[in-house]
C-alpha cells in the first residue's frame, strides 16, 4: 500500500514501522510550505493512505489533506509523530479493515 506522509521534517524510524504493516512511503510532505495550505489540490497518483502527524502541522494543512483524502476516498490515519502512536493508530486501522475483509489474509499478503 502506498502512503502520503504529511508532517515532520525527518521521519527517523517511521519508514521501518510502516514497512512492518506493508505500507510504502510514496511521498512525504513536511507541511511547512505555504502551498501546502492551499485548498483544492489533489493527492499524488496511486496514494491509498494519508498519514497525518498532527503535532507537526498546522490546522490549515491538516484540513486540506483531510478534505483531499475524503474527496479521493483514501484511508486517513492521524496520530502524533512517534513510533508508538503510529503503531497504535495503524494497528487499530488495520484490525478494523481486516475484520471486515472476507479474505482474512496474513500480514505478508497485505503488501
Foldseek 3Di string as FASTA:
>chain_A
DEEEEEADPDQPCVQVLCVLQVYHHPYYHRQPDPVLLDADDADDPPHQEYEYAVVGHDPSNVVRVVVRCVVVVHHYFYFHRDSVGVNVRVVVVVVVVLVPDPVNDDSVVVD
